[in-house]
Amino acid sequence: MIDFKKTFQELTTDELYELLRVRSDVFVVEQNCVYQDMDGDDQQSIHLWLTVGEKVVALARVCPAGTHLEAVSIGRVITTERGKGYGKQIMLHAIDAAFTDQ
């Protein structure tokens, strides 16, 4: 497993595309939740994701204080493979980033 942590500006176009694709697959298609995913907060956020092989298995973003909420916030949390502990791992990375990168 490989974990990544990048600002929006550090993301390659392929990485950005894959993160947005996974978010759409889970939030819009799987959960049948129609909403505006691209909300303008991604550009100021830290993006975290875990991969196994070439597949993104978990992701999250950390929004700085004053971006999405008054305080630092963690959102867009996804696991694509349930029951393997990836959700816990990505949340631990996100919590660490929320405290160290803000």
PDB file of N, CA and C in Angstrom:
ATOM      1  N   MET A   1       0.848  -1.178   0.000  1.00  0.00           N
ATOM      2  CA  MET A   1       0.000   0.000   0.000  1.00  0.00           C
ATOM      3  C   MET A   1       0.887   1.233   0.000  1.00  0.00           C
ATOM      4  N   ILE A   2       0.464   2.216  -0.750  1.00  0.00           N
ATOM      5  CA  ILE A   2       1.186   3.484  -0.836  1.00  0.00           C
ATOM      6  C   ILE A   2       0.224   4.595  -0.439  1.00  0.00           C
ATOM      7  N   ASP A   3       0.716   5.540   0.372  1.00  0.00           N
ATOM      8  CA  ASP A   3      -0.129   6.672   0.726  1.00  0.00           C
ATOM      9  C   ASP A   3       0.453   7.946   0.158  1.00  0.00           C
ATOM     10  N   PHE A   4      -0.447   8.848  -0.203  1.00  0.00           N
ATOM     11  CA  PHE A   4      -0.080  10.114  -0.821  1.00  0.00           C
ATOM     12  C   PHE A   4      -0.698  11.260  -0.041  1.00  0.00           C
ATOM     13  N   LYS A   5       0.000  12.389  -0.021  1.00  0.00           N
ATOM     14  CA  LYS A   5      -0.516  13.616   0.583  1.00  0.00           C
ATOM     15  C   LYS A   5      -0.003  14.771  -0.265  1.00  0.00           C
ATOM     16  N   LYS A   6      -0.926  15.506  -0.864  1.00  0.00           N
ATOM     17  CA  LYS A   6      -0.535  16.608  -1.738  1.00  0.00           C
ATOM     18  C   LYS A   6      -1.503  17.769  -1.625  1.00  0.00           C
ATOM     19  N   THR A   7      -0.987  18.959  -1.854  1.00  0.00           N
ATOM     20  CA  THR A   7      -1.862  20.112  -2.017  1.00  0.00           C
ATOM     21  C   THR A   7      -2.479  20.026  -3.413  1.00  0.00           C
ATOM     22  N   PHE A   8      -3.483  20.815  -3.658  1.00  0.00           N
ATOM     23  CA  PHE A   8      -4.118  20.851  -4.970  1.00  0.00           C
ATOM     24  C   PHE A   8      -3.088  21.183  -6.060  1.00  0.00           C
ATOM     25  N   GLN A   9      -2.216  22.144  -5.769  1.00  0.00           N
ATOM     26  CA  GLN A   9      -1.228  22.579  -6.747  1.00  0.00           C
ATOM     27  C   GLN A   9      -0.195  21.491  -7.052  1.00  0.00           C
ATOM     28  N   GLU A  10       0.026  20.577  -6.125  1.00  0.00           N
ATOM     29  CA  GLU A  10       0.983  19.492  -6.330  1.00  0.00           C
ATOM     30  C   GLU A  10       0.401  18.318  -7.106  1.00  0.00           C
ATOM     31  N   LEU A  11      -0.926  18.231  -7.187  1.00  0.00           N
ATOM     32  CA  LEU A  11      -1.567  17.123  -7.890  1.00  0.00           C
ATOM     33  C   LEU A  11      -1.281  17.189  -9.383  1.00  0.00           C
ATOM     34  N   THR A  12      -1.017  16.040  -9.979  1.00  0.00           N
ATOM     35  CA  THR A  12      -0.941  15.979 -11.439  1.00  0.00           C
ATOM     36  C   THR A  12      -2.370  15.947 -11.972  1.00  0.00           C
ATOM     37  N   THR A  13      -2.524  16.203 -13.236  1.00  0.00           N
ATOM     38  CA  THR A  13      -3.876  16.143 -13.805  1.00  0.00           C
ATOM     39  C   THR A  13      -4.432  14.728 -13.721  1.00  0.00           C
ATOM     40  N   ASP A  14      -3.586  13.716 -13.899  1.00  0.00           N
ATOM     41  CA  ASP A  14      -4.050  12.330 -13.787  1.00  0.00           C
ATOM     42  C   ASP A  14      -4.495  12.010 -12.361  1.00  0.00           C
ATOM     43  N   GLU A  15      -3.757  12.485 -11.356  1.00  0.00           N
ATOM     44  CA  GLU A  15      -4.144  12.257  -9.966  1.00  0.00           C
ATOM     45  C   GLU A  15      -5.463  12.956  -9.653  1.00  0.00           C
ATOM     46  N   LEU A  16      -5.594  14.207 -10.063  1.00  0.00           N
ATOM     47  CA  LEU A  16      -6.823  14.947  -9.831  1.00  0.00           C
ATOM     48  C   LEU A  16      -8.006  14.241 -10.490  1.00  0.00           C
ATOM     49  N   TYR A  17      -7.832  13.830 -11.721  1.00  0.00           N
ATOM     50  CA  TYR A  17      -8.898  13.125 -12.437  1.00  0.00           C
ATOM     51  C   TYR A  17      -9.312  11.876 -11.678  1.00  0.00           C
ATOM     52  N   GLU A  18      -8.341  11.092 -11.218  1.00  0.00           N
ATOM     53  CA  GLU A  18      -8.652   9.842 -10.519  1.00  0.00           C
ATOM     54  C   GLU A  18      -9.365  10.103  -9.197  1.00  0.00           C
ATOM     55  N   LEU A  19      -8.936  11.097  -8.441  1.00  0.00           N
ATOM     56  CA  LEU A  19      -9.602  11.411  -7.173  1.00  0.00           C
ATOM     57  C   LEU A  19     -11.042  11.869  -7.411  1.00  0.00           C
ATOM     58  N   LEU A  20     -11.248  12.712  -8.401  1.00  0.00           N
ATOM     59  CA  LEU A  20     -12.612  13.169  -8.708  1.00  0.00           C
ATOM     60  C   LEU A  20     -13.472  12.035  -9.257  1.00  0.00           C
ATOM     61  N   ARG A  21     -12.867  11.133 -10.020  1.00  0.00           N
ATOM     62  CA  ARG A  21     -13.596   9.978 -10.555  1.00  0.00           C
ATOM     63  C   ARG A  21     -14.061   9.076  -9.419  1.00  0.00           C
ATOM     64  N   VAL A  22     -13.174   8.799  -8.460  1.00  0.00           N
ATOM     65  CA  VAL A  22     -13.538   7.945  -7.333  1.00  0.00           C
ATOM     66  C   VAL A  22     -14.626   8.611  -6.497  1.00  0.00           C
ATOM     67  N   ARG A  23     -14.484   9.903  -6.242  1.00  0.00           N
ATOM     68  CA  ARG A  23     -15.517  10.617  -5.490  1.00  0.00           C
ATOM     69  C   ARG A  23     -16.865  10.530  -6.191  1.00  0.00           C
ATOM     70  N   SER A  24     -16.881  10.699  -7.488  1.00  0.00           N
ATOM     71  CA  SER A  24     -18.124  10.602  -8.246  1.00  0.00           C
ATOM     72  C   SER A  24     -18.697   9.188  -8.195  1.00  0.00           C
ATOM     73  N   ASP A  25     -17.839   8.180  -8.364  1.00  0.00           N
ATOM     74  CA  ASP A  25     -18.292   6.790  -8.299  1.00  0.00           C
ATOM     75  C   ASP A  25     -18.983   6.482  -6.978  1.00  0.00           C
ATOM     76  N   VAL A  26     -18.380   6.921  -5.879  1.00  0.00           N
ATOM     77  CA  VAL A  26     -18.921   6.578  -4.565  1.00  0.00           C
ATOM     78  C   VAL A  26     -20.088   7.481  -4.183  1.00  0.00           C
ATOM     79  N   PHE A  27     -19.882   8.792  -4.218  1.00  0.00           N
ATOM     80  CA  PHE A  27     -20.915   9.694  -3.726  1.00  0.00           C
ATOM     81  C   PHE A  27     -22.122   9.798  -4.663  1.00  0.00           C
ATOM     82  N   VAL A  28     -21.886   9.944  -5.943  1.00  0.00           N
ATOM     83  CA  VAL A  28     -22.984  10.181  -6.879  1.00  0.00           C
ATOM     84  C   VAL A  28     -23.609   8.879  -7.366  1.00  0.00           C
ATOM     85  N   VAL A  29     -22.780   7.936  -7.818  1.00  0.00           N
ATOM     86  CA  VAL A  29     -23.314   6.709  -8.410  1.00  0.00           C
ATOM     87  C   VAL A  29     -23.728   5.708  -7.329  1.00  0.00           C
ATOM     88  N   GLU A  30     -22.765   5.294  -6.479  1.00  0.00           N
ATOM     89  CA  GLU A  30     -23.048   4.250  -5.491  1.00  0.00           C
ATOM     90  C   GLU A  30     -24.069   4.702  -4.443  1.00  0.00           C
ATOM     91  N   GLN A  31     -23.902   5.907  -3.913  1.00  0.00           N
ATOM     92  CA  GLN A  31     -24.788   6.385  -2.854  1.00  0.00           C
ATOM     93  C   GLN A  31     -26.001   7.145  -3.396  1.00  0.00           C
ATOM     94  N   ASN A  32     -26.064   7.292  -4.717  1.00  0.00           N
ATOM     95  CA  ASN A  32     -27.183   7.971  -5.370  1.00  0.00           C
ATOM     96  C   ASN A  32     -27.474   9.323  -4.706  1.00  0.00           C
ATOM     97  N   CYS A  33     -26.415  10.082  -4.490  1.00  0.00           N
ATOM     98  CA  CYS A  33     -26.518  11.367  -3.805  1.00  0.00           C
ATOM     99  C   CYS A  33     -26.086  12.466  -4.780  1.00  0.00           C
ATOM    100  N   VAL A  34     -27.051  13.112  -5.363  1.00  0.00           N
ATOM    101  CA  VAL A  34     -26.757  14.141  -6.342  1.00  0.00           C
ATOM    102  C   VAL A  34     -26.490  15.458  -5.608  1.00  0.00           C
ATOM    103  N   TYR A  35     -25.263  15.942  -5.712  1.00  0.00           N
ATOM    104  CA  TYR A  35     -24.877  17.211  -5.104  1.00  0.00           C
ATOM    105  C   TYR A  35     -23.659  17.742  -5.838  1.00  0.00           C
ATOM    106  N   GLN A  36     -23.309  18.982  -5.591  1.00  0.00           N
ATOM    107  CA  GLN A  36     -22.157  19.598  -6.242  1.00  0.00           C
ATOM    108  C   GLN A  36     -20.890  19.208  -5.486  1.00  0.00           C
ATOM    109  N   ASP A  37     -20.190  18.203  -5.978  1.00  0.00           N
ATOM    110  CA  ASP A  37     -18.972  17.722  -5.317  1.00  0.00           C
ATOM    111  C   ASP A  37     -17.845  18.747  -5.402  1.00  0.00           C
ATOM    112  N   MET A  38     -17.660  19.331  -6.545  1.00  0.00           N
ATOM    113  CA  MET A  38     -16.588  20.311  -6.730  1.00  0.00           C
ATOM    114  C   MET A  38     -17.101  21.653  -6.229  1.00  0.00           C
ATOM    115  N   ASP A  39     -16.761  21.946  -4.978  1.00  0.00           N
ATOM    116  CA  ASP A  39     -17.334  23.081  -4.270  1.00  0.00           C
ATOM    117  C   ASP A  39     -16.403  24.278  -4.119  1.00  0.00           C
ATOM    118  N   GLY A  40     -15.245  24.230  -4.752  1.00  0.00           N
ATOM    119  CA  GLY A  40     -14.301  25.335  -4.660  1.00  0.00           C
ATOM    120  C   GLY A  40     -13.340  25.228  -3.483  1.00  0.00           C
ATOM    121  N   ASP A  41     -13.504  24.213  -2.632  1.00  0.00           N
ATOM    122  CA  ASP A  41     -12.609  24.043  -1.489  1.00  0.00           C
ATOM    123  C   ASP A  41     -11.386  23.190  -1.812  1.00  0.00           C
ATOM    124  N   ASP A  42     -11.444  22.430  -2.892  1.00  0.00           N
ATOM    125  CA  ASP A  42     -10.324  21.549  -3.230  1.00  0.00           C
ATOM    126  C   ASP A  42      -9.016  22.316  -3.428  1.00  0.00           C
ATOM    127  N   GLN A  43      -9.104  23.509  -3.991  1.00  0.00           N
ATOM    128  CA  GLN A  43      -7.902  24.269  -4.300  1.00  0.00           C
ATOM    129  C   GLN A  43      -7.103  24.667  -3.062  1.00  0.00           C
ATOM    130  N   GLN A  44      -7.753  24.796  -1.900  1.00  0.00           N
ATOM    131  CA  GLN A  44      -7.066  25.173  -0.670  1.00  0.00           C
ATOM    132  C   GLN A  44      -6.808  23.968   0.231  1.00  0.00           C
ATOM    133  N   SER A  45      -7.259  22.795  -0.160  1.00  0.00           N
ATOM    134  CA  SER A  45      -7.221  21.614   0.704  1.00  0.00           C
ATOM    135  C   SER A  45      -5.978  20.770   0.493  1.00  0.00           C
ATOM    136  N   ILE A  46      -5.735  19.926   1.484  1.00  0.00           N
ATOM    137  CA  ILE A  46      -4.722  18.884   1.378  1.00  0.00           C
ATOM    138  C   ILE A  46      -5.462  17.607   1.009  1.00  0.00           C
ATOM    139  N   HIS A  47      -4.975  16.918   0.008  1.00  0.00           N
ATOM    140  CA  HIS A  47      -5.622  15.711  -0.488  1.00  0.00           C
ATOM    141  C   HIS A  47      -4.779  14.506  -0.098  1.00  0.00           C
ATOM    142  N   LEU A  48      -5.457  13.519   0.484  1.00  0.00           N
ATOM    143  CA  LEU A  48      -4.786  12.311   0.939  1.00  0.00           C
ATOM    144  C   LEU A  48      -5.450  11.110   0.290  1.00  0.00           C
ATOM    145  N   TRP A  49      -4.651  10.130  -0.094  1.00  0.00           N
ATOM    146  CA  TRP A  49      -5.241   8.909  -0.623  1.00  0.00           C
ATOM    147  C   TRP A  49      -4.293   7.746  -0.452  1.00  0.00           C
ATOM    148  N   LEU A  50      -4.893   6.552  -0.390  1.00  0.00           N
ATOM    149  CA  LEU A  50      -4.167   5.298  -0.270  1.00  0.00           C
ATOM    150  C   LEU A  50      -4.414   4.492  -1.528  1.00  0.00           C
ATOM    151  N   THR A  51      -3.371   3.845  -2.024  1.00  0.00           N
ATOM    152  CA  THR A  51      -3.524   2.983  -3.190  1.00  0.00           C
ATOM    153  C   THR A  51      -2.986   1.596  -2.880  1.00  0.00           C
ATOM    154  N   VAL A  52      -3.602   0.617  -3.485  1.00  0.00           N
ATOM    155  CA  VAL A  52      -3.102  -0.747  -3.496  1.00  0.00           C
ATOM    156  C   VAL A  52      -2.928  -1.085  -4.963  1.00  0.00           C
ATOM    157  N   GLY A  53      -1.698  -1.323  -5.357  1.00  0.00           N
ATOM    158  CA  GLY A  53      -1.418  -1.454  -6.783  1.00  0.00           C
ATOM    159  C   GLY A  53      -1.680  -0.110  -7.434  1.00  0.00           C
ATOM    160  N   GLU A  54      -2.487  -0.084  -8.449  1.00  0.00           N
ATOM    161  CA  GLU A  54      -2.850   1.155  -9.138  1.00  0.00           C
ATOM    162  C   GLU A  54      -4.193   1.703  -8.672  1.00  0.00           C
ATOM    163  N   LYS A  55      -4.860   1.011  -7.743  1.00  0.00           N
ATOM    164  CA  LYS A  55      -6.228   1.357  -7.362  1.00  0.00           C
ATOM    165  C   LYS A  55      -6.269   2.227  -6.108  1.00  0.00           C
ATOM    166  N   VAL A  56      -7.028   3.319  -6.177  1.00  0.00           N
ATOM    167  CA  VAL A  56      -7.282   4.150  -5.000  1.00  0.00           C
ATOM    168  C   VAL A  56      -8.274   3.393  -4.130  1.00  0.00           C
ATOM    169  N   VAL A  57      -7.868   3.114  -2.873  1.00  0.00           N
ATOM    170  CA  VAL A  57      -8.742   2.364  -1.970  1.00  0.00           C
ATOM    171  C   VAL A  57      -9.336   3.246  -0.874  1.00  0.00           C
ATOM    172  N   ALA A  58      -8.793   4.445  -0.683  1.00  0.00           N
ATOM    173  CA  ALA A  58      -9.336   5.381   0.298  1.00  0.00           C
ATOM    174  C   ALA A  58      -8.839   6.775  -0.033  1.00  0.00           C
ATOM    175  N   LEU A  59      -9.645   7.777   0.311  1.00  0.00           N
ATOM    176  CA  LEU A  59      -9.214   9.160   0.120  1.00  0.00           C
ATOM    177  C   LEU A  59      -9.947  10.068   1.085  1.00  0.00           C
ATOM    178  N   ALA A  60      -9.393  11.248   1.269  1.00  0.00           N
ATOM    179  CA  ALA A  60     -10.000  12.278   2.117  1.00  0.00           C
ATOM    180  C   ALA A  60      -9.356  13.607   1.750  1.00  0.00           C
ATOM    181  N   ARG A  61      -9.993  14.682   2.192  1.00  0.00           N
ATOM    182  CA  ARG A  61      -9.362  15.985   2.037  1.00  0.00           C
ATOM    183  C   ARG A  61      -9.453  16.719   3.369  1.00  0.00           C
ATOM    184  N   VAL A  62      -8.459  17.563   3.617  1.00  0.00           N
ATOM    185  CA  VAL A  62      -8.418  18.373   4.819  1.00  0.00           C
ATOM    186  C   VAL A  62      -8.510  19.829   4.375  1.00  0.00           C
ATOM    187  N   CYS A  63      -9.579  20.489   4.808  1.00  0.00           N
ATOM    188  CA  CYS A  63      -9.789  21.896   4.465  1.00  0.00           C
ATOM    189  C   CYS A  63      -9.265  22.768   5.599  1.00  0.00           C
ATOM    190  N   PRO A  64      -8.435  23.753   5.281  1.00  0.00           N
ATOM    191  CA  PRO A  64      -7.936  24.656   6.323  1.00  0.00           C
ATOM    192  C   PRO A  64      -9.068  25.446   6.973  1.00  0.00           C
ATOM    193  N   ALA A  65      -8.829  25.917   8.172  1.00  0.00           N
ATOM    194  CA  ALA A  65      -9.802  26.757   8.869  1.00  0.00           C
ATOM    195  C   ALA A  65     -10.190  27.926   7.975  1.00  0.00           C
ATOM    196  N   GLY A  66     -11.469  28.235   7.953  1.00  0.00           N
ATOM    197  CA  GLY A  66     -11.952  29.350   7.153  1.00  0.00           C
ATOM    198  C   GLY A  66     -12.252  28.997   5.707  1.00  0.00           C
ATOM    199  N   THR A  67     -11.965  27.772   5.304  1.00  0.00           N
ATOM    200  CA  THR A  67     -12.262  27.351   3.934  1.00  0.00           C
ATOM    201  C   THR A  67     -13.690  26.827   3.853  1.00  0.00           C
ATOM    202  N   HIS A  68     -13.911  25.703   4.454  1.00  0.00           N
ATOM    203  CA  HIS A  68     -15.230  25.061   4.426  1.00  0.00           C
ATOM    204  C   HIS A  68     -16.021  25.398   5.690  1.00  0.00           C
ATOM    205  N   LEU A  69     -15.323  25.413   6.804  1.00  0.00           N
ATOM    206  CA  LEU A  69     -15.910  25.750   8.102  1.00  0.00           C
ATOM    207  C   LEU A  69     -14.962  26.712   8.809  1.00  0.00           C
ATOM    208  N   GLU A  70     -15.370  27.207   9.971  1.00  0.00           N
ATOM    209  CA  GLU A  70     -14.493  28.087  10.744  1.00  0.00           C
ATOM    210  C   GLU A  70     -13.234  27.361  11.188  1.00  0.00           C
ATOM    211  N   ALA A  71     -13.379  26.097  11.560  1.00  0.00           N
ATOM    212  CA  ALA A  71     -12.248  25.291  12.021  1.00  0.00           C
ATOM    213  C   ALA A  71     -11.753  24.404  10.880  1.00  0.00           C
ATOM    214  N   VAL A  72     -10.586  23.815  11.063  1.00  0.00           N
ATOM    215  CA  VAL A  72     -10.082  22.825  10.111  1.00  0.00           C
ATOM    216  C   VAL A  72     -11.125  21.715  10.017  1.00  0.00           C
ATOM    217  N   SER A  73     -11.353  21.207   8.805  1.00  0.00           N
ATOM    218  CA  SER A  73     -12.340  20.138   8.637  1.00  0.00           C
ATOM    219  C   SER A  73     -11.798  19.038   7.743  1.00  0.00           C
ATOM    220  N   ILE A  74     -12.293  17.856   7.989  1.00  0.00           N
ATOM    221  CA  ILE A  74     -11.949  16.674   7.193  1.00  0.00           C
ATOM    222  C   ILE A  74     -13.211  16.246   6.461  1.00  0.00           C
ATOM    223  N   GLY A  75     -13.089  16.034   5.181  1.00  0.00           N
ATOM    224  CA  GLY A  75     -14.262  15.647   4.409  1.00  0.00           C
ATOM    225  C   GLY A  75     -13.910  14.826   3.198  1.00  0.00           C
ATOM    226  N   ARG A  76     -14.935  14.537   2.428  1.00  0.00           N
ATOM    227  CA  ARG A  76     -14.817  13.723   1.217  1.00  0.00           C
ATOM    228  C   ARG A  76     -14.086  12.413   1.525  1.00  0.00           C
ATOM    229  N   VAL A  77     -14.424  11.811   2.660  1.00  0.00           N
ATOM    230  CA  VAL A  77     -13.789  10.565   3.096  1.00  0.00           C
ATOM    231  C   VAL A  77     -14.453   9.394   2.385  1.00  0.00           C
ATOM    232  N   ILE A  78     -13.634   8.572   1.729  1.00  0.00           N
ATOM    233  CA  ILE A  78     -14.146   7.447   0.937  1.00  0.00           C
ATOM    234  C   ILE A  78     -13.241   6.237   1.122  1.00  0.00           C
ATOM    235  N   THR A  79     -13.858   5.080   1.191  1.00  0.00           N
ATOM    236  CA  THR A  79     -13.131   3.829   1.001  1.00  0.00           C
ATOM    237  C   THR A  79     -13.823   3.088  -0.129  1.00  0.00           C
ATOM    238  N   THR A  80     -13.046   2.511  -1.011  1.00  0.00           N
ATOM    239  CA  THR A  80     -13.631   1.775  -2.127  1.00  0.00           C
ATOM    240  C   THR A  80     -13.665   0.278  -1.852  1.00  0.00           C
ATOM    241  N   GLU A  81     -12.971  -0.141  -0.801  1.00  0.00           N
ATOM    242  CA  GLU A  81     -12.983  -1.543  -0.381  1.00  0.00           C
ATOM    243  C   GLU A  81     -13.255  -1.570   1.112  1.00  0.00           C
ATOM    244  N   ARG A  82     -14.425  -2.002   1.475  1.00  0.00           N
ATOM    245  CA  ARG A  82     -14.835  -1.986   2.876  1.00  0.00           C
ATOM    246  C   ARG A  82     -14.289  -3.194   3.637  1.00  0.00           C
ATOM    247  N   GLY A  83     -14.159  -2.998   4.962  1.00  0.00           N
ATOM    248  CA  GLY A  83     -13.766  -4.088   5.844  1.00  0.00           C
ATOM    249  C   GLY A  83     -12.286  -4.414   5.870  1.00  0.00           C
ATOM    250  N   LYS A  84     -11.458  -3.557   5.298  1.00  0.00           N
ATOM    251  CA  LYS A  84     -10.020  -3.819   5.249  1.00  0.00           C
ATOM    252  C   LYS A  84      -9.206  -2.824   6.055  1.00  0.00           C
ATOM    253  N   GLY A  85      -9.883  -1.917   6.756  1.00  0.00           N
ATOM    254  CA  GLY A  85      -9.183  -0.956   7.597  1.00  0.00           C
ATOM    255  C   GLY A  85      -8.692   0.286   6.875  1.00  0.00           C
ATOM    256  N   TYR A  86      -9.018   0.431   5.601  1.00  0.00           N
ATOM    257  CA  TYR A  86      -8.542   1.588   4.846  1.00  0.00           C
ATOM    258  C   TYR A  86      -9.171   2.885   5.334  1.00  0.00           C
ATOM    259  N   GLY A  87     -10.436   2.822   5.762  1.00  0.00           N
ATOM    260  CA  GLY A  87     -11.108   4.011   6.282  1.00  0.00           C
ATOM    261  C   GLY A  87     -10.418   4.537   7.531  1.00  0.00           C
ATOM    262  N   LYS A  88     -10.069   3.645   8.422  1.00  0.00           N
ATOM    263  CA  LYS A  88      -9.367   4.033   9.643  1.00  0.00           C
ATOM    264  C   LYS A  88      -8.004   4.637   9.303  1.00  0.00           C
ATOM    265  N   GLN A  89      -7.301   4.007   8.383  1.00  0.00           N
ATOM    266  CA  GLN A  89      -5.971   4.504   8.003  1.00  0.00           C
ATOM    267  C   GLN A  89      -6.041   5.902   7.397  1.00  0.00           C
ATOM    268  N   ILE A  90      -7.000   6.124   6.490  1.00  0.00           N
ATOM    269  CA  ILE A  90      -7.073   7.440   5.853  1.00  0.00           C
ATOM    270  C   ILE A  90      -7.495   8.498   6.869  1.00  0.00           C
ATOM    271  N   MET A  91      -8.358   8.131   7.812  1.00  0.00           N
ATOM    272  CA  MET A  91      -8.754   9.093   8.845  1.00  0.00           C
ATOM    273  C   MET A  91      -7.583   9.435   9.763  1.00  0.00           C
ATOM    274  N   LEU A  92      -6.762   8.475  10.106  1.00  0.00           N
ATOM    275  CA  LEU A  92      -5.579   8.763  10.928  1.00  0.00           C
ATOM    276  C   LEU A  92      -4.633   9.706  10.198  1.00  0.00           C
ATOM    277  N   HIS A  93      -4.440   9.482   8.909  1.00  0.00           N
ATOM    278  CA  HIS A  93      -3.601  10.389   8.098  1.00  0.00           C
ATOM    279  C   HIS A  93      -4.225  11.782   8.045  1.00  0.00           C
ATOM    280  N   ALA A  94      -5.544  11.837   7.875  1.00  0.00           N
ATOM    281  CA  ALA A  94      -6.236  13.140   7.786  1.00  0.00           C
ATOM    282  C   ALA A  94      -6.159  13.896   9.110  1.00  0.00           C
ATOM    283  N   ILE A  95      -6.347  13.200  10.216  1.00  0.00           N
ATOM    284  CA  ILE A  95      -6.243  13.851  11.521  1.00  0.00           C
ATOM    285  C   ILE A  95      -4.832  14.396  11.735  1.00  0.00           C
ATOM    286  N   ASP A  96      -3.842  13.610  11.371  1.00  0.00           N
ATOM    287  CA  ASP A  96      -2.451  14.063  11.484  1.00  0.00           C
ATOM    288  C   ASP A  96      -2.225  15.306  10.624  1.00  0.00           C
ATOM    289  N   ALA A  97      -2.722  15.291   9.398  1.00  0.00           N
ATOM    290  CA  ALA A  97      -2.560  16.440   8.506  1.00  0.00           C
ATOM    291  C   ALA A  97      -3.307  17.667   9.044  1.00  0.00           C
ATOM    292  N   ALA A  98      -4.461  17.438   9.643  1.00  0.00           N
ATOM    293  CA  ALA A  98      -5.247  18.561  10.198  1.00  0.00           C
ATOM    294  C   ALA A  98      -4.490  19.257  11.309  1.00  0.00           C
ATOM    295  N   PHE A  99      -3.717  18.513  12.076  1.00  0.00           N
ATOM    296  CA  PHE A  99      -2.964  19.104  13.183  1.00  0.00           C
ATOM    297  C   PHE A  99      -1.590  19.624  12.771  1.00  0.00           C
ATOM    298  N   THR A 100      -0.956  18.996  11.790  1.00  0.00           N
ATOM    299  CA  THR A 100       0.420  19.362  11.453  1.00  0.00           C
ATOM    300  C   THR A 100       0.559  20.306  10.265  1.00  0.00           C
ATOM    301  N   ASP A 101      -0.392  20.301   9.363  1.00  0.00           N
ATOM    302  CA  ASP A 101      -0.241  21.072   8.122  1.00  0.00           C
ATOM    303  C   ASP A 101      -1.027  22.374   8.118  1.00  0.00           C
ATOM    304  N   GLN A 102      -1.638  22.731   9.206  1.00  0.00           N
ATOM    305  CA  GLN A 102      -2.472  23.938   9.214  1.00  0.00           C
ATOM    306  C   GLN A 102      -1.770  25.082   9.886  1.00  0.00           C
TER     307      GLN A 102
END
